[in-house]
Amino acid sequence: MADSSIGPVMTTPGGRTVYTFDNDQPRQSNCYEACAKHWPPVMADGYAQEYGRMSLIYRADGQRQWAYDGDPLYTYAEDGVQGDVKGDDVGSVWHVVR
């Protein structure tokens, strides 16, 4: 978690703000190609283990992506520094995880 202009937000271990996408289905990402360039998925390495409300899903290419309560997680390419929340409510479908 990190402080932001909208209060505490979930971040990656590297400090990037984490988002969900309304057009995903539970445990299934629908953000690929151009979408994934603007909204990079939060990928998991081969050693990652599910814990608490954090789970792992498989993307179409077989790579694993982190999910929170079953919702796939992403960062936003336009966020520059820790605490940026520029992606919150973009297109009314992207939302910061709090």
PDB file of N, CA and C in Angstrom:
ATOM      1  N   MET A   1       0.844  -1.178   0.000  1.00  0.00           N
ATOM      2  CA  MET A   1       0.000   0.000   0.000  1.00  0.00           C
ATOM      3  C   MET A   1       0.890   1.243   0.000  1.00  0.00           C
ATOM      4  N   ALA A   2       0.352   2.297  -0.613  1.00  0.00           N
ATOM      5  CA  ALA A   2       1.068   3.578  -0.645  1.00  0.00           C
ATOM      6  C   ALA A   2       0.055   4.703  -0.521  1.00  0.00           C
ATOM      7  N   ASP A   3       0.502   5.830  -0.017  1.00  0.00           N
ATOM      8  CA  ASP A   3      -0.356   7.010   0.049  1.00  0.00           C
ATOM      9  C   ASP A   3      -0.450   7.643  -1.326  1.00  0.00           C
ATOM     10  N   SER A   4      -1.613   8.207  -1.619  1.00  0.00           N
ATOM     11  CA  SER A   4      -1.827   8.910  -2.885  1.00  0.00           C
ATOM     12  C   SER A   4      -2.758  10.086  -2.618  1.00  0.00           C
ATOM     13  N   SER A   5      -3.060  10.835  -3.663  1.00  0.00           N
ATOM     14  CA  SER A   5      -3.961  11.985  -3.528  1.00  0.00           C
ATOM     15  C   SER A   5      -5.386  11.554  -3.202  1.00  0.00           C
ATOM     16  N   ILE A   6      -5.706  10.260  -3.384  1.00  0.00           N
ATOM     17  CA  ILE A   6      -7.049   9.762  -3.077  1.00  0.00           C
ATOM     18  C   ILE A   6      -7.036   8.835  -1.859  1.00  0.00           C
ATOM     19  N   GLY A   7      -5.944   8.835  -1.124  1.00  0.00           N
ATOM     20  CA  GLY A   7      -5.816   7.985   0.052  1.00  0.00           C
ATOM     21  C   GLY A   7      -4.936   6.784  -0.240  1.00  0.00           C
ATOM     22  N   PRO A   8      -4.892   5.814   0.675  1.00  0.00           N
ATOM     23  CA  PRO A   8      -4.057   4.631   0.487  1.00  0.00           C
ATOM     24  C   PRO A   8      -4.531   3.796  -0.710  1.00  0.00           C
ATOM     25  N   VAL A   9      -3.575   3.319  -1.513  1.00  0.00           N
ATOM     26  CA  VAL A   9      -3.878   2.480  -2.681  1.00  0.00           C
ATOM     27  C   VAL A   9      -2.939   1.279  -2.685  1.00  0.00           C
ATOM     28  N   MET A  10      -3.406   0.181  -3.306  1.00  0.00           N
ATOM     29  CA  MET A  10      -2.569  -0.997  -3.442  1.00  0.00           C
ATOM     30  C   MET A  10      -1.495  -0.716  -4.485  1.00  0.00           C
ATOM     31  N   THR A  11      -0.291  -1.237  -4.221  1.00  0.00           N
ATOM     32  CA  THR A  11       0.815  -1.082  -5.166  1.00  0.00           C
ATOM     33  C   THR A  11       1.510  -2.421  -5.382  1.00  0.00           C
ATOM     34  N   THR A  12       2.292  -2.459  -6.433  1.00  0.00           N
ATOM     35  CA  THR A  12       3.182  -3.590  -6.660  1.00  0.00           C
ATOM     36  C   THR A  12       4.337  -3.472  -5.662  1.00  0.00           C
ATOM     37  N   PRO A  13       5.146  -4.519  -5.521  1.00  0.00           N
ATOM     38  CA  PRO A  13       6.324  -4.392  -4.649  1.00  0.00           C
ATOM     39  C   PRO A  13       7.233  -3.232  -5.059  1.00  0.00           C
ATOM     40  N   GLY A  14       7.221  -2.865  -6.347  1.00  0.00           N
ATOM     41  CA  GLY A  14       8.027  -1.745  -6.822  1.00  0.00           C
ATOM     42  C   GLY A  14       7.379  -0.384  -6.636  1.00  0.00           C
ATOM     43  N   GLY A  15       6.167  -0.338  -6.067  1.00  0.00           N
ATOM     44  CA  GLY A  15       5.512   0.932  -5.759  1.00  0.00           C
ATOM     45  C   GLY A  15       4.542   1.446  -6.808  1.00  0.00           C
ATOM     46  N   ARG A  16       4.281   0.677  -7.865  1.00  0.00           N
ATOM     47  CA  ARG A  16       3.324   1.111  -8.899  1.00  0.00           C
ATOM     48  C   ARG A  16       1.892   0.880  -8.426  1.00  0.00           C
ATOM     49  N   THR A  17       1.020   1.863  -8.642  1.00  0.00           N
ATOM     50  CA  THR A  17      -0.388   1.737  -8.285  1.00  0.00           C
ATOM     51  C   THR A  17      -1.032   0.625  -9.109  1.00  0.00           C
ATOM     52  N   VAL A  18      -1.951  -0.115  -8.490  1.00  0.00           N
ATOM     53  CA  VAL A  18      -2.591  -1.266  -9.103  1.00  0.00           C
ATOM     54  C   VAL A  18      -4.056  -0.959  -9.404  1.00  0.00           C
ATOM     55  N   TYR A  19      -4.515  -1.441 -10.570  1.00  0.00           N
ATOM     56  CA  TYR A  19      -5.873  -1.167 -11.053  1.00  0.00           C
ATOM     57  C   TYR A  19      -6.595  -2.453 -11.451  1.00  0.00           C
ATOM     58  N   THR A  20      -7.929  -2.374 -11.491  1.00  0.00           N
ATOM     59  CA  THR A  20      -8.761  -3.432 -12.073  1.00  0.00           C
ATOM     60  C   THR A  20      -9.507  -2.850 -13.269  1.00  0.00           C
ATOM     61  N   PHE A  21     -10.005  -3.740 -14.120  1.00  0.00           N
ATOM     62  CA  PHE A  21     -10.645  -3.392 -15.396  1.00  0.00           C
ATOM     63  C   PHE A  21     -12.054  -3.992 -15.404  1.00  0.00           C
ATOM     64  N   ASP A  22     -13.080  -3.137 -15.526  1.00  0.00           N
ATOM     65  CA  ASP A  22     -14.466  -3.604 -15.498  1.00  0.00           C
ATOM     66  C   ASP A  22     -14.801  -4.576 -16.626  1.00  0.00           C
ATOM     67  N   ASN A  23     -14.052  -4.550 -17.732  1.00  0.00           N
ATOM     68  CA  ASN A  23     -14.363  -5.420 -18.868  1.00  0.00           C
ATOM     69  C   ASN A  23     -13.757  -6.824 -18.736  1.00  0.00           C
ATOM     70  N   ASP A  24     -13.059  -7.082 -17.631  1.00  0.00           N
ATOM     71  CA  ASP A  24     -12.586  -8.435 -17.347  1.00  0.00           C
ATOM     72  C   ASP A  24     -13.729  -9.247 -16.760  1.00  0.00           C
ATOM     73  N   GLN A  25     -13.598 -10.566 -16.843  1.00  0.00           N
ATOM     74  CA  GLN A  25     -14.480 -11.465 -16.124  1.00  0.00           C
ATOM     75  C   GLN A  25     -13.696 -11.983 -14.913  1.00  0.00           C
ATOM     76  N   PRO A  26     -14.413 -12.504 -13.905  1.00  0.00           N
ATOM     77  CA  PRO A  26     -13.676 -13.052 -12.763  1.00  0.00           C
ATOM     78  C   PRO A  26     -12.652 -14.087 -13.226  1.00  0.00           C
ATOM     79  N   ARG A  27     -11.427 -13.898 -12.766  1.00  0.00           N
ATOM     80  CA  ARG A  27     -10.303 -14.801 -13.043  1.00  0.00           C
ATOM     81  C   ARG A  27      -9.953 -14.888 -14.530  1.00  0.00           C
ATOM     82  N   GLN A  28     -10.344 -13.874 -15.322  1.00  0.00           N
ATOM     83  CA  GLN A  28     -10.022 -13.880 -16.756  1.00  0.00           C
ATOM     84  C   GLN A  28      -9.727 -12.458 -17.228  1.00  0.00           C
ATOM     85  N   SER A  29      -8.535 -12.265 -17.781  1.00  0.00           N
ATOM     86  CA  SER A  29      -8.145 -10.970 -18.328  1.00  0.00           C
ATOM     87  C   SER A  29      -8.683 -10.801 -19.743  1.00  0.00           C
ATOM     88  N   ASN A  30      -9.156  -9.595 -20.032  1.00  0.00           N
ATOM     89  CA  ASN A  30      -9.565  -9.229 -21.391  1.00  0.00           C
ATOM     90  C   ASN A  30      -8.730  -8.063 -21.905  1.00  0.00           C
ATOM     91  N   CYS A  31      -7.561  -7.859 -21.314  1.00  0.00           N
ATOM     92  CA  CYS A  31      -6.681  -6.758 -21.709  1.00  0.00           C
ATOM     93  C   CYS A  31      -5.425  -7.342 -22.356  1.00  0.00           C
ATOM     94  N   TYR A  32      -5.361  -7.252 -23.680  1.00  0.00           N
ATOM     95  CA  TYR A  32      -4.248  -7.785 -24.469  1.00  0.00           C
ATOM     96  C   TYR A  32      -3.818  -6.738 -25.495  1.00  0.00           C
ATOM     97  N   GLU A  33      -2.701  -6.986 -26.155  1.00  0.00           N
ATOM     98  CA  GLU A  33      -2.149  -6.174 -27.236  1.00  0.00           C
ATOM     99  C   GLU A  33      -2.076  -4.703 -26.848  1.00  0.00           C
ATOM    100  N   ALA A  34      -2.770  -3.796 -27.550  1.00  0.00           N
ATOM    101  CA  ALA A  34      -2.659  -2.358 -27.270  1.00  0.00           C
ATOM    102  C   ALA A  34      -3.097  -2.037 -25.847  1.00  0.00           C
ATOM    103  N   CYS A  35      -4.140  -2.695 -25.391  1.00  0.00           N
ATOM    104  CA  CYS A  35      -4.607  -2.484 -24.017  1.00  0.00           C
ATOM    105  C   CYS A  35      -3.483  -2.777 -23.026  1.00  0.00           C
ATOM    106  N   ALA A  36      -2.818  -3.906 -23.191  1.00  0.00           N
ATOM    107  CA  ALA A  36      -1.764  -4.306 -22.259  1.00  0.00           C
ATOM    108  C   ALA A  36      -0.526  -3.412 -22.340  1.00  0.00           C
ATOM    109  N   LYS A  37      -0.359  -2.679 -23.430  1.00  0.00           N
ATOM    110  CA  LYS A  37       0.746  -1.716 -23.506  1.00  0.00           C
ATOM    111  C   LYS A  37       0.464  -0.513 -22.611  1.00  0.00           C
ATOM    112  N   HIS A  38      -0.786  -0.074 -22.571  1.00  0.00           N
ATOM    113  CA  HIS A  38      -1.176   1.056 -21.719  1.00  0.00           C
ATOM    114  C   HIS A  38      -1.427   0.616 -20.282  1.00  0.00           C
ATOM    115  N   TRP A  39      -1.867  -0.621 -20.131  1.00  0.00           N
ATOM    116  CA  TRP A  39      -2.221  -1.179 -18.835  1.00  0.00           C
ATOM    117  C   TRP A  39      -1.462  -2.498 -18.635  1.00  0.00           C
ATOM    118  N   PRO A  40      -0.169  -2.433 -18.331  1.00  0.00           N
ATOM    119  CA  PRO A  40       0.617  -3.657 -18.172  1.00  0.00           C
ATOM    120  C   PRO A  40       0.060  -4.555 -17.064  1.00  0.00           C
ATOM    121  N   PRO A  41      -0.159  -5.825 -17.370  1.00  0.00           N
ATOM    122  CA  PRO A  41      -0.617  -6.756 -16.340  1.00  0.00           C
ATOM    123  C   PRO A  41       0.432  -6.905 -15.240  1.00  0.00           C
ATOM    124  N   VAL A  42      -0.025  -7.135 -14.035  1.00  0.00           N
ATOM    125  CA  VAL A  42       0.878  -7.418 -12.923  1.00  0.00           C
ATOM    126  C   VAL A  42       1.178  -8.914 -12.993  1.00  0.00           C
ATOM    127  N   MET A  43       2.335  -9.230 -13.541  1.00  0.00           N
ATOM    128  CA  MET A  43       2.711 -10.621 -13.801  1.00  0.00           C
ATOM    129  C   MET A  43       3.321 -11.262 -12.554  1.00  0.00           C
ATOM    130  N   ALA A  44       3.176 -12.571 -12.482  1.00  0.00           N
ATOM    131  CA  ALA A  44       3.725 -13.349 -11.376  1.00  0.00           C
ATOM    132  C   ALA A  44       4.825 -14.255 -11.911  1.00  0.00           C
ATOM    133  N   ASP A  45       5.888 -14.397 -11.140  1.00  0.00           N
ATOM    134  CA  ASP A  45       6.944 -15.313 -11.567  1.00  0.00           C
ATOM    135  C   ASP A  45       6.553 -16.753 -11.231  1.00  0.00           C
ATOM    136  N   GLY A  46       7.377 -17.687 -11.615  1.00  0.00           N
ATOM    137  CA  GLY A  46       7.086 -19.093 -11.427  1.00  0.00           C
ATOM    138  C   GLY A  46       7.063 -19.550  -9.975  1.00  0.00           C
ATOM    139  N   TYR A  47       7.579 -18.724  -9.082  1.00  0.00           N
ATOM    140  CA  TYR A  47       7.620 -19.075  -7.670  1.00  0.00           C
ATOM    141  C   TYR A  47       6.462 -18.472  -6.872  1.00  0.00           C
ATOM    142  N   ALA A  48       5.654 -17.632  -7.498  1.00  0.00           N
ATOM    143  CA  ALA A  48       4.569 -16.939  -6.802  1.00  0.00           C
ATOM    144  C   ALA A  48       3.560 -17.939  -6.235  1.00  0.00           C
ATOM    145  N   GLN A  49       3.072 -17.628  -5.054  1.00  0.00           N
ATOM    146  CA  GLN A  49       2.078 -18.453  -4.372  1.00  0.00           C
ATOM    147  C   GLN A  49       0.890 -17.573  -3.992  1.00  0.00           C
ATOM    148  N   GLU A  50      -0.304 -18.087  -4.174  1.00  0.00           N
ATOM    149  CA  GLU A  50      -1.504 -17.362  -3.769  1.00  0.00           C
ATOM    150  C   GLU A  50      -1.491 -17.171  -2.256  1.00  0.00           C
ATOM    151  N   TYR A  51      -2.088 -16.067  -1.800  1.00  0.00           N
ATOM    152  CA  TYR A  51      -2.192 -15.809  -0.365  1.00  0.00           C
ATOM    153  C   TYR A  51      -3.339 -14.845  -0.125  1.00  0.00           C
ATOM    154  N   GLY A  52      -4.007 -14.987   1.003  1.00  0.00           N
ATOM    155  CA  GLY A  52      -5.101 -14.090   1.360  1.00  0.00           C
ATOM    156  C   GLY A  52      -6.074 -13.911   0.212  1.00  0.00           C
ATOM    157  N   ARG A  53      -6.321 -12.667  -0.144  1.00  0.00           N
ATOM    158  CA  ARG A  53      -7.242 -12.341  -1.236  1.00  0.00           C
ATOM    159  C   ARG A  53      -6.541 -12.273  -2.592  1.00  0.00           C
ATOM    160  N   MET A  54      -5.230 -12.531  -2.580  1.00  0.00           N
ATOM    161  CA  MET A  54      -4.432 -12.506  -3.810  1.00  0.00           C
ATOM    162  C   MET A  54      -4.420 -13.903  -4.436  1.00  0.00           C
ATOM    163  N   SER A  55      -4.763 -13.966  -5.737  1.00  0.00           N
ATOM    164  CA  SER A  55      -4.760 -15.237  -6.454  1.00  0.00           C
ATOM    165  C   SER A  55      -3.998 -15.071  -7.759  1.00  0.00           C
ATOM    166  N   LEU A  56      -3.811 -16.172  -8.442  1.00  0.00           N
ATOM    167  CA  LEU A  56      -3.111 -16.176  -9.723  1.00  0.00           C
ATOM    168  C   LEU A  56      -4.060 -16.678 -10.801  1.00  0.00           C
ATOM    169  N   ILE A  57      -4.036 -16.013 -11.950  1.00  0.00           N
ATOM    170  CA  ILE A  57      -4.824 -16.453 -13.093  1.00  0.00           C
ATOM    171  C   ILE A  57      -3.866 -16.738 -14.242  1.00  0.00           C
ATOM    172  N   TYR A  58      -4.340 -17.465 -15.231  1.00  0.00           N
ATOM    173  CA  TYR A  58      -3.535 -17.728 -16.421  1.00  0.00           C
ATOM    174  C   TYR A  58      -4.040 -16.867 -17.564  1.00  0.00           C
ATOM    175  N   ARG A  59      -3.121 -16.163 -18.208  1.00  0.00           N
ATOM    176  CA  ARG A  59      -3.444 -15.373 -19.384  1.00  0.00           C
ATOM    177  C   ARG A  59      -3.490 -16.305 -20.603  1.00  0.00           C
ATOM    178  N   ALA A  60      -4.002 -15.818 -21.713  1.00  0.00           N
ATOM    179  CA  ALA A  60      -4.149 -16.626 -22.929  1.00  0.00           C
ATOM    180  C   ALA A  60      -2.816 -17.220 -23.387  1.00  0.00           C
ATOM    181  N   ASP A  61      -1.700 -16.521 -23.096  1.00  0.00           N
ATOM    182  CA  ASP A  61      -0.386 -17.022 -23.518  1.00  0.00           C
ATOM    183  C   ASP A  61       0.233 -17.971 -22.492  1.00  0.00           C
ATOM    184  N   GLY A  62      -0.503 -18.292 -21.425  1.00  0.00           N
ATOM    185  CA  GLY A  62      -0.018 -19.211 -20.404  1.00  0.00           C
ATOM    186  C   GLY A  62       0.722 -18.557 -19.259  1.00  0.00           C
ATOM    187  N   GLN A  63       1.043 -17.262 -19.376  1.00  0.00           N
ATOM    188  CA  GLN A  63       1.717 -16.571 -18.279  1.00  0.00           C
ATOM    189  C   GLN A  63       0.733 -16.339 -17.138  1.00  0.00           C
ATOM    190  N   ARG A  64       1.293 -16.208 -15.942  1.00  0.00           N
ATOM    191  CA  ARG A  64       0.453 -15.993 -14.771  1.00  0.00           C
ATOM    192  C   ARG A  64       0.396 -14.517 -14.407  1.00  0.00           C
ATOM    193  N   GLN A  65      -0.786 -14.094 -13.991  1.00  0.00           N
ATOM    194  CA  GLN A  65      -1.047 -12.714 -13.609  1.00  0.00           C
ATOM    195  C   GLN A  65      -1.680 -12.706 -12.225  1.00  0.00           C
ATOM    196  N   TRP A  66      -1.308 -11.713 -11.424  1.00  0.00           N
ATOM    197  CA  TRP A  66      -1.915 -11.574 -10.104  1.00  0.00           C
ATOM    198  C   TRP A  66      -3.347 -11.075 -10.236  1.00  0.00           C
ATOM    199  N   ALA A  67      -4.192 -11.505  -9.300  1.00  0.00           N
ATOM    200  CA  ALA A  67      -5.583 -11.050  -9.208  1.00  0.00           C
ATOM    201  C   ALA A  67      -5.904 -10.799  -7.735  1.00  0.00           C
ATOM    202  N   TYR A  68      -6.826  -9.895  -7.501  1.00  0.00           N
ATOM    203  CA  TYR A  68      -7.278  -9.563  -6.153  1.00  0.00           C
ATOM    204  C   TYR A  68      -8.769  -9.840  -6.094  1.00  0.00           C
ATOM    205  N   ASP A  69      -9.186 -10.705  -5.219  1.00  0.00           N
ATOM    206  CA  ASP A  69     -10.586 -11.156  -5.171  1.00  0.00           C
ATOM    207  C   ASP A  69     -11.041 -11.653  -6.537  1.00  0.00           C
ATOM    208  N   GLY A  70     -10.135 -12.272  -7.291  1.00  0.00           N
ATOM    209  CA  GLY A  70     -10.456 -12.812  -8.608  1.00  0.00           C
ATOM    210  C   GLY A  70     -10.366 -11.815  -9.748  1.00  0.00           C
ATOM    211  N   ASP A  71     -10.140 -10.526  -9.441  1.00  0.00           N
ATOM    212  CA  ASP A  71     -10.037  -9.496 -10.474  1.00  0.00           C
ATOM    213  C   ASP A  71      -8.585  -9.339 -10.907  1.00  0.00           C
ATOM    214  N   PRO A  72      -8.279  -9.558 -12.199  1.00  0.00           N
ATOM    215  CA  PRO A  72      -6.902  -9.385 -12.682  1.00  0.00           C
ATOM    216  C   PRO A  72      -6.383  -7.973 -12.384  1.00  0.00           C
ATOM    217  N   LEU A  73      -5.098  -7.880 -12.095  1.00  0.00           N
ATOM    218  CA  LEU A  73      -4.476  -6.609 -11.709  1.00  0.00           C
ATOM    219  C   LEU A  73      -3.555  -6.077 -12.796  1.00  0.00           C
ATOM    220  N   TYR A  74      -3.508  -4.733 -12.882  1.00  0.00           N
ATOM    221  CA  TYR A  74      -2.727  -4.021 -13.889  1.00  0.00           C
ATOM    222  C   TYR A  74      -2.087  -2.787 -13.265  1.00  0.00           C
ATOM    223  N   THR A  75      -1.061  -2.273 -13.919  1.00  0.00           N
ATOM    224  CA  THR A  75      -0.530  -0.946 -13.619  1.00  0.00           C
ATOM    225  C   THR A  75      -0.923  -0.045 -14.800  1.00  0.00           C
ATOM    226  N   TYR A  76      -0.598   1.237 -14.714  1.00  0.00           N
ATOM    227  CA  TYR A  76      -0.937   2.181 -15.779  1.00  0.00           C
ATOM    228  C   TYR A  76       0.346   2.821 -16.290  1.00  0.00           C
ATOM    229  N   ALA A  77       0.575   2.771 -17.584  1.00  0.00           N
ATOM    230  CA  ALA A  77       1.825   3.266 -18.170  1.00  0.00           C
ATOM    231  C   ALA A  77       2.040   4.758 -17.912  1.00  0.00           C
ATOM    232  N   GLU A  78       0.967   5.523 -17.724  1.00  0.00           N
ATOM    233  CA  GLU A  78       1.093   6.970 -17.514  1.00  0.00           C
ATOM    234  C   GLU A  78       1.449   7.350 -16.081  1.00  0.00           C
ATOM    235  N   ASP A  79       1.348   6.415 -15.150  1.00  0.00           N
ATOM    236  CA  ASP A  79       1.764   6.698 -13.775  1.00  0.00           C
ATOM    237  C   ASP A  79       3.291   6.745 -13.760  1.00  0.00           C
ATOM    238  N   GLY A  80       3.846   7.846 -13.271  1.00  0.00           N
ATOM    239  CA  GLY A  80       5.289   8.010 -13.318  1.00  0.00           C
ATOM    240  C   GLY A  80       6.009   7.700 -12.026  1.00  0.00           C
ATOM    241  N   VAL A  81       5.395   8.029 -10.897  1.00  0.00           N
ATOM    242  CA  VAL A  81       6.050   7.843  -9.604  1.00  0.00           C
ATOM    243  C   VAL A  81       5.093   7.184  -8.628  1.00  0.00           C
ATOM    244  N   GLN A  82       5.666   6.652  -7.551  1.00  0.00           N
ATOM    245  CA  GLN A  82       4.855   6.016  -6.516  1.00  0.00           C
ATOM    246  C   GLN A  82       3.775   6.981  -6.046  1.00  0.00           C
ATOM    247  N   GLY A  83       2.572   6.494  -5.941  1.00  0.00           N
ATOM    248  CA  GLY A  83       1.455   7.323  -5.489  1.00  0.00           C
ATOM    249  C   GLY A  83       0.659   7.946  -6.613  1.00  0.00           C
ATOM    250  N   ASP A  84       1.150   7.884  -7.868  1.00  0.00           N
ATOM    251  CA  ASP A  84       0.355   8.383  -8.997  1.00  0.00           C
ATOM    252  C   ASP A  84      -0.895   7.535  -9.149  1.00  0.00           C
ATOM    253  N   VAL A  85      -2.009   8.176  -9.447  1.00  0.00           N
ATOM    254  CA  VAL A  85      -3.281   7.476  -9.658  1.00  0.00           C
ATOM    255  C   VAL A  85      -3.965   8.020 -10.917  1.00  0.00           C
ATOM    256  N   LYS A  86      -3.153   8.315 -11.928  1.00  0.00           N
ATOM    257  CA  LYS A  86      -3.672   8.910 -13.162  1.00  0.00           C
ATOM    258  C   LYS A  86      -4.650   7.996 -13.892  1.00  0.00           C
ATOM    259  N   GLY A  87      -4.600   6.693 -13.623  1.00  0.00           N
ATOM    260  CA  GLY A  87      -5.481   5.750 -14.301  1.00  0.00           C
ATOM    261  C   GLY A  87      -6.835   5.567 -13.645  1.00  0.00           C
ATOM    262  N   ASP A  88      -7.031   6.154 -12.461  1.00  0.00           N
ATOM    263  CA  ASP A  88      -8.290   5.930 -11.758  1.00  0.00           C
ATOM    264  C   ASP A  88      -9.467   6.504 -12.529  1.00  0.00           C
ATOM    265  N   ASP A  89     -10.424   5.655 -12.831  1.00  0.00           N
ATOM    266  CA  ASP A  89     -11.673   5.979 -13.518  1.00  0.00           C
ATOM    267  C   ASP A  89     -11.493   6.338 -14.995  1.00  0.00           C
ATOM    268  N   VAL A  90     -10.359   6.003 -15.607  1.00  0.00           N
ATOM    269  CA  VAL A  90     -10.179   6.211 -17.038  1.00  0.00           C
ATOM    270  C   VAL A  90     -11.257   5.418 -17.779  1.00  0.00           C
ATOM    271  N   GLY A  91     -11.980   6.081 -18.656  1.00  0.00           N
ATOM    272  CA  GLY A  91     -13.036   5.444 -19.430  1.00  0.00           C
ATOM    273  C   GLY A  91     -14.154   4.880 -18.564  1.00  0.00           C
ATOM    274  N   SER A  92     -14.190   5.262 -17.325  1.00  0.00           N
ATOM    275  CA  SER A  92     -15.152   4.756 -16.335  1.00  0.00           C
ATOM    276  C   SER A  92     -15.077   3.237 -16.175  1.00  0.00           C
ATOM    277  N   VAL A  93     -13.939   2.616 -16.579  1.00  0.00           N
ATOM    278  CA  VAL A  93     -13.796   1.153 -16.470  1.00  0.00           C
ATOM    279  C   VAL A  93     -12.529   0.720 -15.746  1.00  0.00           C
ATOM    280  N   TRP A  94     -11.618   1.653 -15.452  1.00  0.00           N
ATOM    281  CA  TRP A  94     -10.370   1.332 -14.736  1.00  0.00           C
ATOM    282  C   TRP A  94     -10.450   1.932 -13.352  1.00  0.00           C
ATOM    283  N   HIS A  95     -10.099   1.126 -12.334  1.00  0.00           N
ATOM    284  CA  HIS A  95     -10.256   1.588 -10.952  1.00  0.00           C
ATOM    285  C   HIS A  95      -9.076   1.179 -10.097  1.00  0.00           C
ATOM    286  N   VAL A  96      -8.636   2.117  -9.270  1.00  0.00           N
ATOM    287  CA  VAL A  96      -7.581   1.855  -8.306  1.00  0.00           C
ATOM    288  C   VAL A  96      -8.079   0.823  -7.301  1.00  0.00           C
ATOM    289  N   VAL A  97      -7.190  -0.065  -6.892  1.00  0.00           N
ATOM    290  CA  VAL A  97      -7.515  -1.007  -5.819  1.00  0.00           C
ATOM    291  C   VAL A  97      -7.137  -0.333  -4.519  1.00  0.00           C
ATOM    292  N   ARG A  98      -8.088  -0.287  -3.601  1.00  0.00           N
ATOM    293  CA  ARG A  98      -7.849   0.354  -2.291  1.00  0.00           C
ATOM    294  C   ARG A  98      -7.926  -0.667  -1.185  1.00  0.00           C
TER     295      ARG A  98
END
